[in-house]
Amino acid sequence: MDWASVIGIALALAGLFIGHGLDGGKLASLVQPAAFAIVVIGTFGAVLLQTEAPTFTRGMRMLRWVFRPPPSQRGKLARDIALWSLHARRDGLLSLEQHMLDSTDKFVQKGLRLMIDGIHPEKLRGLLETEVTAYEFGQRQAVKIWEAAAGYSPTIGILGAVLGLIHVMENLTDPSKLGAGIAVAFVSTVYGVGLANLFFYPVANKLKSIVAETVTQYEILTDVFYDIASGDHSRVIDERVASLMSRP
């Protein structure tokens, strides 16, 4: 569990509710199902309209990474790289087949398979770089649904405010219904701006950092596979591992 994310969202909500209470407001006044439906459903509807369904689904699944990010693979990769290098020098590239079968990472499997198949190191590097580029593009497209939601929700909130005011104008002769319409109008704006800046944008930025970490690991692995396939000195590979482990 990433407690920084949990504490962060708790602090954001606490600041909103405490500030509202200090001004004499009631918590119940911020609970408006109609405003929530307008902003949330409208926002995700707009996002889905601009995004392909598989990308939208992948982006929604990535939300869990904000609170439970993928475990770091640096230590395991460092140990695996040392074993690959040792076995390749001692027993040849064909000895890496068992490592390929044991791995659960598709990128690692592909890199090892290309070495085992005897692909030229330059061609191997090109193929893996293409794989990294495709992976990064797909992941960043999925993350963009949260950036898009942050862009749309304030405007959808304004639409909710206008709808609330329309409801007010339609019921000017019935004062008992004016309060509900005005509440929806103002709370819709709060929901739109609040969700954008307290949730959607932070989620997008957190997911970007997680994707960037994985992409960096794959880039280092690409160089490692190239070094092993080229028969470079083990010291070169050790430096690759050091760069992997030294990243903050």
C-alpha atoms as a PDB file:
ATOM      1  CA  MET A   1       0.000   0.000   0.000  1.00  0.00           C
ATOM      2  CA  ASP A   2       1.293   3.451  -0.934  1.00  0.00           C
ATOM      3  CA  TRP A   3       0.399   5.338   2.226  1.00  0.00           C
ATOM      4  CA  ALA A   4       1.536   8.644   0.731  1.00  0.00           C
ATOM      5  CA  SER A   5      -1.365   8.440  -1.743  1.00  0.00           C
ATOM      6  CA  VAL A   6      -3.832   7.477   0.982  1.00  0.00           C
ATOM      7  CA  ILE A   7      -2.688  10.275   3.285  1.00  0.00           C
ATOM      8  CA  GLY A   8      -2.597  12.731   0.393  1.00  0.00           C
ATOM      9  CA  ILE A   9      -6.197  12.202  -0.638  1.00  0.00           C
ATOM     10  CA  ALA A  10      -7.275  12.203   3.025  1.00  0.00           C
ATOM     11  CA  LEU A  11      -5.548  15.554   3.601  1.00  0.00           C
ATOM     12  CA  ALA A  12      -7.098  17.011   0.455  1.00  0.00           C
ATOM     13  CA  LEU A  13     -10.603  16.020   1.540  1.00  0.00           C
ATOM     14  CA  ALA A  14      -9.951  17.078   5.135  1.00  0.00           C
ATOM     15  CA  GLY A  15      -8.833  20.518   3.997  1.00  0.00           C
ATOM     16  CA  LEU A  16     -11.984  20.907   1.920  1.00  0.00           C
ATOM     17  CA  PHE A  17     -14.380  19.752   4.615  1.00  0.00           C
ATOM     18  CA  ILE A  18     -12.646  21.553   7.498  1.00  0.00           C
ATOM     19  CA  GLY A  19     -12.536  24.804   5.568  1.00  0.00           C
ATOM     20  CA  HIS A  20     -16.187  24.421   4.676  1.00  0.00           C
ATOM     21  CA  GLY A  21     -17.049  23.761   8.319  1.00  0.00           C
ATOM     22  CA  LEU A  22     -15.057  26.733   9.613  1.00  0.00           C
ATOM     23  CA  ASP A  23     -17.156  28.992   7.415  1.00  0.00           C
ATOM     24  CA  GLY A  24     -20.269  27.628   9.077  1.00  0.00           C
ATOM     25  CA  GLY A  25     -21.194  25.263   6.276  1.00  0.00           C
ATOM     26  CA  LYS A  26     -22.705  21.836   6.796  1.00  0.00           C
ATOM     27  CA  LEU A  27     -21.286  18.636   5.352  1.00  0.00           C
ATOM     28  CA  ALA A  28     -24.716  17.681   4.059  1.00  0.00           C
ATOM     29  CA  SER A  29     -24.726  20.740   1.814  1.00  0.00           C
ATOM     30  CA  LEU A  30     -21.850  19.256  -0.200  1.00  0.00           C
ATOM     31  CA  VAL A  31     -23.657  15.959  -0.732  1.00  0.00           C
ATOM     32  CA  GLN A  32     -25.629  16.466  -3.919  1.00  0.00           C
ATOM     33  CA  PRO A  33     -26.250  13.238  -5.880  1.00  0.00           C
ATOM     34  CA  ALA A  34     -27.550  15.166  -8.886  1.00  0.00           C
ATOM     35  CA  ALA A  35     -24.408  17.287  -9.114  1.00  0.00           C
ATOM     36  CA  PHE A  36     -22.210  14.222  -8.624  1.00  0.00           C
ATOM     37  CA  ALA A  37     -23.993  12.344 -11.400  1.00  0.00           C
ATOM     38  CA  ILE A  38     -23.696  15.264 -13.808  1.00  0.00           C
ATOM     39  CA  VAL A  39     -19.978  15.786 -13.215  1.00  0.00           C
ATOM     40  CA  VAL A  40     -18.732  12.210 -12.864  1.00  0.00           C
ATOM     41  CA  ILE A  41     -20.889  10.511 -15.496  1.00  0.00           C
ATOM     42  CA  GLY A  42     -20.519  13.432 -17.890  1.00  0.00           C
ATOM     43  CA  THR A  43     -16.745  13.545 -17.451  1.00  0.00           C
ATOM     44  CA  PHE A  44     -16.149   9.847 -18.025  1.00  0.00           C
ATOM     45  CA  GLY A  45     -18.594   9.881 -20.917  1.00  0.00           C
ATOM     46  CA  ALA A  46     -16.551  12.616 -22.599  1.00  0.00           C
ATOM     47  CA  VAL A  47     -13.303  10.747 -21.897  1.00  0.00           C
ATOM     48  CA  LEU A  48     -14.686   7.523 -23.346  1.00  0.00           C
ATOM     49  CA  LEU A  49     -15.842   9.421 -26.440  1.00  0.00           C
ATOM     50  CA  GLN A  50     -12.261  10.510 -27.206  1.00  0.00           C
ATOM     51  CA  THR A  51     -10.602   7.200 -26.250  1.00  0.00           C
ATOM     52  CA  GLU A  52     -10.668   3.688 -27.623  1.00  0.00           C
ATOM     53  CA  ALA A  53     -12.400   1.252 -25.294  1.00  0.00           C
ATOM     54  CA  PRO A  54      -9.319  -0.961 -24.617  1.00  0.00           C
ATOM     55  CA  THR A  55      -7.238   2.110 -23.745  1.00  0.00           C
ATOM     56  CA  PHE A  56      -9.979   3.443 -21.469  1.00  0.00           C
ATOM     57  CA  THR A  57     -10.265   0.086 -19.706  1.00  0.00           C
ATOM     58  CA  ARG A  58      -6.496  -0.162 -19.252  1.00  0.00           C
ATOM     59  CA  GLY A  59      -6.380   3.352 -17.821  1.00  0.00           C
ATOM     60  CA  MET A  60      -9.133   2.569 -15.331  1.00  0.00           C
ATOM     61  CA  ARG A  61      -7.318  -0.591 -14.215  1.00  0.00           C
ATOM     62  CA  MET A  62      -4.142   1.413 -13.692  1.00  0.00           C
ATOM     63  CA  LEU A  63      -5.906   3.431 -10.976  1.00  0.00           C
ATOM     64  CA  ARG A  64      -5.060   0.720  -8.441  1.00  0.00           C
ATOM     65  CA  TRP A  65      -1.360   1.509  -8.964  1.00  0.00           C
ATOM     66  CA  VAL A  66      -1.881   4.856  -7.250  1.00  0.00           C
ATOM     67  CA  PHE A  67      -2.655   3.141  -3.963  1.00  0.00           C
ATOM     68  CA  ARG A  68      -0.935  -0.207  -4.543  1.00  0.00           C
ATOM     69  CA  PRO A  69       1.900   0.358  -7.024  1.00  0.00           C
ATOM     70  CA  PRO A  70       3.677  -2.546  -8.722  1.00  0.00           C
ATOM     71  CA  PRO A  71       6.485  -3.859  -6.502  1.00  0.00           C
ATOM     72  CA  SER A  72       9.983  -2.702  -7.411  1.00  0.00           C
ATOM     73  CA  GLN A  73      11.874  -5.198  -9.566  1.00  0.00           C
ATOM     74  CA  ARG A  74      15.290  -3.543  -9.299  1.00  0.00           C
ATOM     75  CA  GLY A  75      16.825  -5.998  -6.857  1.00  0.00           C
ATOM     76  CA  LYS A  76      15.534  -9.050  -8.722  1.00  0.00           C
ATOM     77  CA  LEU A  77      16.640  -7.652 -12.077  1.00  0.00           C
ATOM     78  CA  ALA A  78      20.128  -6.934 -10.717  1.00  0.00           C
ATOM     79  CA  ARG A  79      20.453 -10.553  -9.541  1.00  0.00           C
ATOM     80  CA  ASP A  80      19.032 -11.909 -12.792  1.00  0.00           C
ATOM     81  CA  ILE A  81      21.378  -9.801 -14.913  1.00  0.00           C
ATOM     82  CA  ALA A  82      24.372 -11.103 -12.969  1.00  0.00           C
ATOM     83  CA  LEU A  83      23.213 -14.698 -13.595  1.00  0.00           C
ATOM     84  CA  TRP A  84      22.554 -14.084 -17.297  1.00  0.00           C
ATOM     85  CA  SER A  85      25.989 -12.578 -17.762  1.00  0.00           C
ATOM     86  CA  LEU A  86      27.713 -15.393 -15.871  1.00  0.00           C
ATOM     87  CA  HIS A  87      25.933 -18.211 -17.677  1.00  0.00           C
ATOM     88  CA  ALA A  88      26.341 -16.578 -21.092  1.00  0.00           C
ATOM     89  CA  ARG A  89      30.099 -16.231 -20.624  1.00  0.00           C
ATOM     90  CA  ARG A  90      30.549 -19.673 -19.086  1.00  0.00           C
ATOM     91  CA  ASP A  91      28.062 -21.839 -20.991  1.00  0.00           C
ATOM     92  CA  GLY A  92      27.059 -19.799 -24.033  1.00  0.00           C
ATOM     93  CA  LEU A  93      23.865 -17.975 -24.958  1.00  0.00           C
ATOM     94  CA  LEU A  94      21.857 -21.189 -25.337  1.00  0.00           C
ATOM     95  CA  SER A  95      22.156 -21.708 -21.578  1.00  0.00           C
ATOM     96  CA  LEU A  96      19.818 -18.739 -21.094  1.00  0.00           C
ATOM     97  CA  GLU A  97      16.808 -20.744 -22.258  1.00  0.00           C
ATOM     98  CA  GLN A  98      15.905 -21.848 -18.739  1.00  0.00           C
ATOM     99  CA  HIS A  99      16.012 -18.244 -17.537  1.00  0.00           C
ATOM    100  CA  MET A 100      13.650 -17.328 -20.357  1.00  0.00           C
ATOM    101  CA  LEU A 101      11.215 -20.068 -19.356  1.00  0.00           C
ATOM    102  CA  ASP A 102      11.342 -19.041 -15.697  1.00  0.00           C
ATOM    103  CA  SER A 103      10.682 -15.342 -16.352  1.00  0.00           C
ATOM    104  CA  THR A 104       7.153 -13.910 -16.161  1.00  0.00           C
ATOM    105  CA  ASP A 105       8.069 -10.563 -17.774  1.00  0.00           C
ATOM    106  CA  LYS A 106       7.268 -10.565 -21.495  1.00  0.00           C
ATOM    107  CA  PHE A 107       9.987  -8.019 -22.247  1.00  0.00           C
ATOM    108  CA  VAL A 108      12.635 -10.099 -20.479  1.00  0.00           C
ATOM    109  CA  GLN A 109      11.388 -13.205 -22.250  1.00  0.00           C
ATOM    110  CA  LYS A 110      11.688 -11.488 -25.615  1.00  0.00           C
ATOM    111  CA  GLY A 111      15.186 -10.175 -24.921  1.00  0.00           C
ATOM    112  CA  LEU A 112      16.444 -13.575 -23.813  1.00  0.00           C
ATOM    113  CA  ARG A 113      14.767 -15.316 -26.741  1.00  0.00           C
ATOM    114  CA  LEU A 114      16.406 -12.966 -29.236  1.00  0.00           C
ATOM    115  CA  MET A 115      19.810 -13.679 -27.701  1.00  0.00           C
ATOM    116  CA  ILE A 116      19.200 -17.427 -27.707  1.00  0.00           C
ATOM    117  CA  ASP A 117      18.127 -17.254 -31.363  1.00  0.00           C
ATOM    118  CA  GLY A 118      21.437 -15.606 -32.217  1.00  0.00           C
ATOM    119  CA  ILE A 119      20.000 -12.324 -33.466  1.00  0.00           C
ATOM    120  CA  HIS A 120      22.736  -9.810 -34.296  1.00  0.00           C
ATOM    121  CA  PRO A 121      23.283  -7.440 -31.329  1.00  0.00           C
ATOM    122  CA  GLU A 122      22.441  -4.302 -33.342  1.00  0.00           C
ATOM    123  CA  LYS A 123      19.257  -5.863 -34.694  1.00  0.00           C
ATOM    124  CA  LEU A 124      18.408  -7.108 -31.182  1.00  0.00           C
ATOM    125  CA  ARG A 125      18.781  -3.599 -29.774  1.00  0.00           C
ATOM    126  CA  GLY A 126      16.579  -2.151 -32.522  1.00  0.00           C
ATOM    127  CA  LEU A 127      13.829  -4.690 -31.908  1.00  0.00           C
ATOM    128  CA  LEU A 128      13.853  -4.122 -28.154  1.00  0.00           C
ATOM    129  CA  GLU A 129      13.876  -0.344 -28.542  1.00  0.00           C
ATOM    130  CA  THR A 130      10.800  -0.649 -30.743  1.00  0.00           C
ATOM    131  CA  GLU A 131       9.193  -2.801 -28.043  1.00  0.00           C
ATOM    132  CA  VAL A 132       9.978  -0.190 -25.369  1.00  0.00           C
ATOM    133  CA  THR A 133       8.570   2.603 -27.538  1.00  0.00           C
ATOM    134  CA  ALA A 134       5.352   0.676 -28.166  1.00  0.00           C
ATOM    135  CA  TYR A 135       4.977  -0.139 -24.470  1.00  0.00           C
ATOM    136  CA  GLU A 136       5.561   3.467 -23.425  1.00  0.00           C
ATOM    137  CA  PHE A 137       3.101   4.793 -26.011  1.00  0.00           C
ATOM    138  CA  GLY A 138       0.367   2.381 -24.933  1.00  0.00           C
ATOM    139  CA  GLN A 139       0.831   3.105 -21.234  1.00  0.00           C
ATOM    140  CA  ARG A 140       0.937   6.867 -21.710  1.00  0.00           C
ATOM    141  CA  GLN A 141      -2.232   6.753 -23.800  1.00  0.00           C
ATOM    142  CA  ALA A 142      -3.944   4.943 -20.935  1.00  0.00           C
ATOM    143  CA  VAL A 143      -2.683   7.519 -18.407  1.00  0.00           C
ATOM    144  CA  LYS A 144      -4.036  10.319 -20.588  1.00  0.00           C
ATOM    145  CA  ILE A 145      -7.611   9.376 -19.716  1.00  0.00           C
ATOM    146  CA  TRP A 146      -6.994  10.843 -16.251  1.00  0.00           C
ATOM    147  CA  GLU A 147      -5.503  14.011 -17.716  1.00  0.00           C
ATOM    148  CA  ALA A 148      -8.486  14.261 -20.026  1.00  0.00           C
ATOM    149  CA  ALA A 149     -10.864  13.789 -17.084  1.00  0.00           C
ATOM    150  CA  ALA A 150      -9.070  16.619 -15.255  1.00  0.00           C
ATOM    151  CA  GLY A 151      -9.571  18.842 -18.287  1.00  0.00           C
ATOM    152  CA  TYR A 152     -13.231  18.037 -18.801  1.00  0.00           C
ATOM    153  CA  SER A 153     -14.559  17.926 -15.232  1.00  0.00           C
ATOM    154  CA  PRO A 154     -14.386  21.693 -14.460  1.00  0.00           C
ATOM    155  CA  THR A 155     -16.306  22.449 -17.645  1.00  0.00           C
ATOM    156  CA  ILE A 156     -18.838  19.709 -16.902  1.00  0.00           C
ATOM    157  CA  GLY A 157     -19.168  21.280 -13.452  1.00  0.00           C
ATOM    158  CA  ILE A 158     -20.076  24.571 -15.078  1.00  0.00           C
ATOM    159  CA  LEU A 159     -22.662  22.768 -17.193  1.00  0.00           C
ATOM    160  CA  GLY A 160     -24.091  21.352 -13.976  1.00  0.00           C
ATOM    161  CA  ALA A 161     -24.218  24.861 -12.544  1.00  0.00           C
ATOM    162  CA  VAL A 162     -26.123  26.125 -15.574  1.00  0.00           C
ATOM    163  CA  LEU A 163     -28.553  23.210 -15.350  1.00  0.00           C
ATOM    164  CA  GLY A 164     -29.121  24.025 -11.688  1.00  0.00           C
ATOM    165  CA  LEU A 165     -29.840  27.656 -12.506  1.00  0.00           C
ATOM    166  CA  ILE A 166     -32.254  26.571 -15.232  1.00  0.00           C
ATOM    167  CA  HIS A 167     -34.025  24.501 -12.590  1.00  0.00           C
ATOM    168  CA  VAL A 168     -34.157  27.595 -10.366  1.00  0.00           C
ATOM    169  CA  MET A 169     -35.616  29.768 -13.125  1.00  0.00           C
ATOM    170  CA  GLU A 170     -38.276  27.161 -13.869  1.00  0.00           C
ATOM    171  CA  ASN A 171     -39.420  27.191 -10.251  1.00  0.00           C
ATOM    172  CA  LEU A 172     -39.339  30.865  -9.361  1.00  0.00           C
ATOM    173  CA  THR A 173     -42.982  30.634  -8.397  1.00  0.00           C
ATOM    174  CA  ASP A 174     -42.259  27.805  -5.951  1.00  0.00           C
ATOM    175  CA  PRO A 175     -39.708  28.999  -3.359  1.00  0.00           C
ATOM    176  CA  SER A 176     -39.512  25.530  -1.789  1.00  0.00           C
ATOM    177  CA  LYS A 177     -37.696  24.219  -4.865  1.00  0.00           C
ATOM    178  CA  LEU A 178     -35.259  27.077  -5.290  1.00  0.00           C
ATOM    179  CA  GLY A 179     -32.808  25.871  -2.656  1.00  0.00           C
ATOM    180  CA  ALA A 180     -32.238  22.502  -4.313  1.00  0.00           C
ATOM    181  CA  GLY A 181     -31.557  24.059  -7.698  1.00  0.00           C
ATOM    182  CA  ILE A 182     -29.119  26.606  -6.309  1.00  0.00           C
ATOM    183  CA  ALA A 183     -27.331  23.893  -4.331  1.00  0.00           C
ATOM    184  CA  VAL A 184     -26.888  21.754  -7.439  1.00  0.00           C
ATOM    185  CA  ALA A 185     -25.594  24.782  -9.333  1.00  0.00           C
ATOM    186  CA  PHE A 186     -22.829  25.650  -6.888  1.00  0.00           C
ATOM    187  CA  VAL A 187     -21.929  22.132  -5.767  1.00  0.00           C
ATOM    188  CA  SER A 188     -21.534  21.010  -9.387  1.00  0.00           C
ATOM    189  CA  THR A 189     -18.781  23.568  -9.796  1.00  0.00           C
ATOM    190  CA  VAL A 190     -17.151  22.399  -6.563  1.00  0.00           C
ATOM    191  CA  TYR A 191     -17.244  18.787  -7.746  1.00  0.00           C
ATOM    192  CA  GLY A 192     -15.836  19.636 -11.172  1.00  0.00           C
ATOM    193  CA  VAL A 193     -12.932  21.776  -9.971  1.00  0.00           C
ATOM    194  CA  GLY A 194     -12.305  19.638  -6.877  1.00  0.00           C
ATOM    195  CA  LEU A 195     -12.127  16.331  -8.736  1.00  0.00           C
ATOM    196  CA  ALA A 196      -9.829  17.824 -11.374  1.00  0.00           C
ATOM    197  CA  ASN A 197      -7.292  19.264  -8.951  1.00  0.00           C
ATOM    198  CA  LEU A 198      -7.584  16.954  -5.954  1.00  0.00           C
ATOM    199  CA  PHE A 199      -7.906  13.632  -7.763  1.00  0.00           C
ATOM    200  CA  PHE A 200      -7.652  13.450 -11.559  1.00  0.00           C
ATOM    201  CA  TYR A 201      -4.458  15.466 -12.063  1.00  0.00           C
ATOM    202  CA  PRO A 202      -2.639  13.870  -9.083  1.00  0.00           C
ATOM    203  CA  VAL A 203      -3.616  10.393 -10.294  1.00  0.00           C
ATOM    204  CA  ALA A 204      -2.329  11.155 -13.798  1.00  0.00           C
ATOM    205  CA  ASN A 205       0.999  12.457 -12.492  1.00  0.00           C
ATOM    206  CA  LYS A 206       1.459   9.470 -10.167  1.00  0.00           C
ATOM    207  CA  LEU A 207       0.793   7.015 -12.969  1.00  0.00           C
ATOM    208  CA  LYS A 208       3.227   8.868 -15.237  1.00  0.00           C
ATOM    209  CA  SER A 209       6.012   8.391 -12.706  1.00  0.00           C
ATOM    210  CA  ILE A 210       5.246   4.665 -12.402  1.00  0.00           C
ATOM    211  CA  VAL A 211       5.264   4.215 -16.188  1.00  0.00           C
ATOM    212  CA  ALA A 212       8.510   6.200 -16.468  1.00  0.00           C
ATOM    213  CA  GLU A 213      10.156   3.917 -13.889  1.00  0.00           C
ATOM    214  CA  THR A 214       9.225   0.796 -15.856  1.00  0.00           C
ATOM    215  CA  VAL A 215      10.326   2.323 -19.154  1.00  0.00           C
ATOM    216  CA  THR A 216      13.709   3.226 -17.648  1.00  0.00           C
ATOM    217  CA  GLN A 217      14.187  -0.347 -16.456  1.00  0.00           C
ATOM    218  CA  TYR A 218      13.368  -1.668 -19.929  1.00  0.00           C
ATOM    219  CA  GLU A 219      15.820   0.773 -21.516  1.00  0.00           C
ATOM    220  CA  ILE A 220      18.588  -0.421 -19.197  1.00  0.00           C
ATOM    221  CA  LEU A 221      17.645  -4.037 -19.918  1.00  0.00           C
ATOM    222  CA  THR A 222      17.888  -3.306 -23.643  1.00  0.00           C
ATOM    223  CA  ASP A 223      21.479  -2.175 -23.141  1.00  0.00           C
ATOM    224  CA  VAL A 224      22.190  -5.208 -20.955  1.00  0.00           C
ATOM    225  CA  PHE A 225      20.892  -7.632 -23.580  1.00  0.00           C
ATOM    226  CA  TYR A 226      22.984  -5.847 -26.197  1.00  0.00           C
ATOM    227  CA  ASP A 227      26.092  -6.079 -24.009  1.00  0.00           C
ATOM    228  CA  ILE A 228      25.601  -9.786 -23.298  1.00  0.00           C
ATOM    229  CA  ALA A 229      24.893 -10.594 -26.952  1.00  0.00           C
ATOM    230  CA  SER A 230      28.001  -8.630 -27.970  1.00  0.00           C
ATOM    231  CA  GLY A 231      30.168 -10.438 -25.438  1.00  0.00           C
ATOM    232  CA  ASP A 232      31.139  -7.215 -23.667  1.00  0.00           C
ATOM    233  CA  HIS A 233      33.271  -7.288 -20.551  1.00  0.00           C
ATOM    234  CA  SER A 234      31.393  -8.082 -17.358  1.00  0.00           C
ATOM    235  CA  ARG A 235      32.496  -4.720 -15.968  1.00  0.00           C
ATOM    236  CA  VAL A 236      30.320  -2.974 -18.545  1.00  0.00           C
ATOM    237  CA  ILE A 237      27.306  -5.003 -17.428  1.00  0.00           C
ATOM    238  CA  ASP A 238      28.119  -4.280 -13.779  1.00  0.00           C
ATOM    239  CA  GLU A 239      27.956  -0.573 -14.583  1.00  0.00           C
ATOM    240  CA  ARG A 240      24.522  -1.079 -16.152  1.00  0.00           C
ATOM    241  CA  VAL A 241      23.361  -2.774 -12.969  1.00  0.00           C
ATOM    242  CA  ALA A 242      24.832   0.044 -10.869  1.00  0.00           C
ATOM    243  CA  SER A 243      22.891   2.611 -12.898  1.00  0.00           C
ATOM    244  CA  LEU A 244      19.710   0.585 -12.392  1.00  0.00           C
ATOM    245  CA  MET A 245      20.156   0.391  -8.637  1.00  0.00           C
ATOM    246  CA  SER A 246      21.286   4.003  -8.157  1.00  0.00           C
ATOM    247  CA  ARG A 247      18.155   5.619  -9.559  1.00  0.00           C
ATOM    248  CA  PRO A 248      16.055   7.362  -6.885  1.00  0.00           C
END
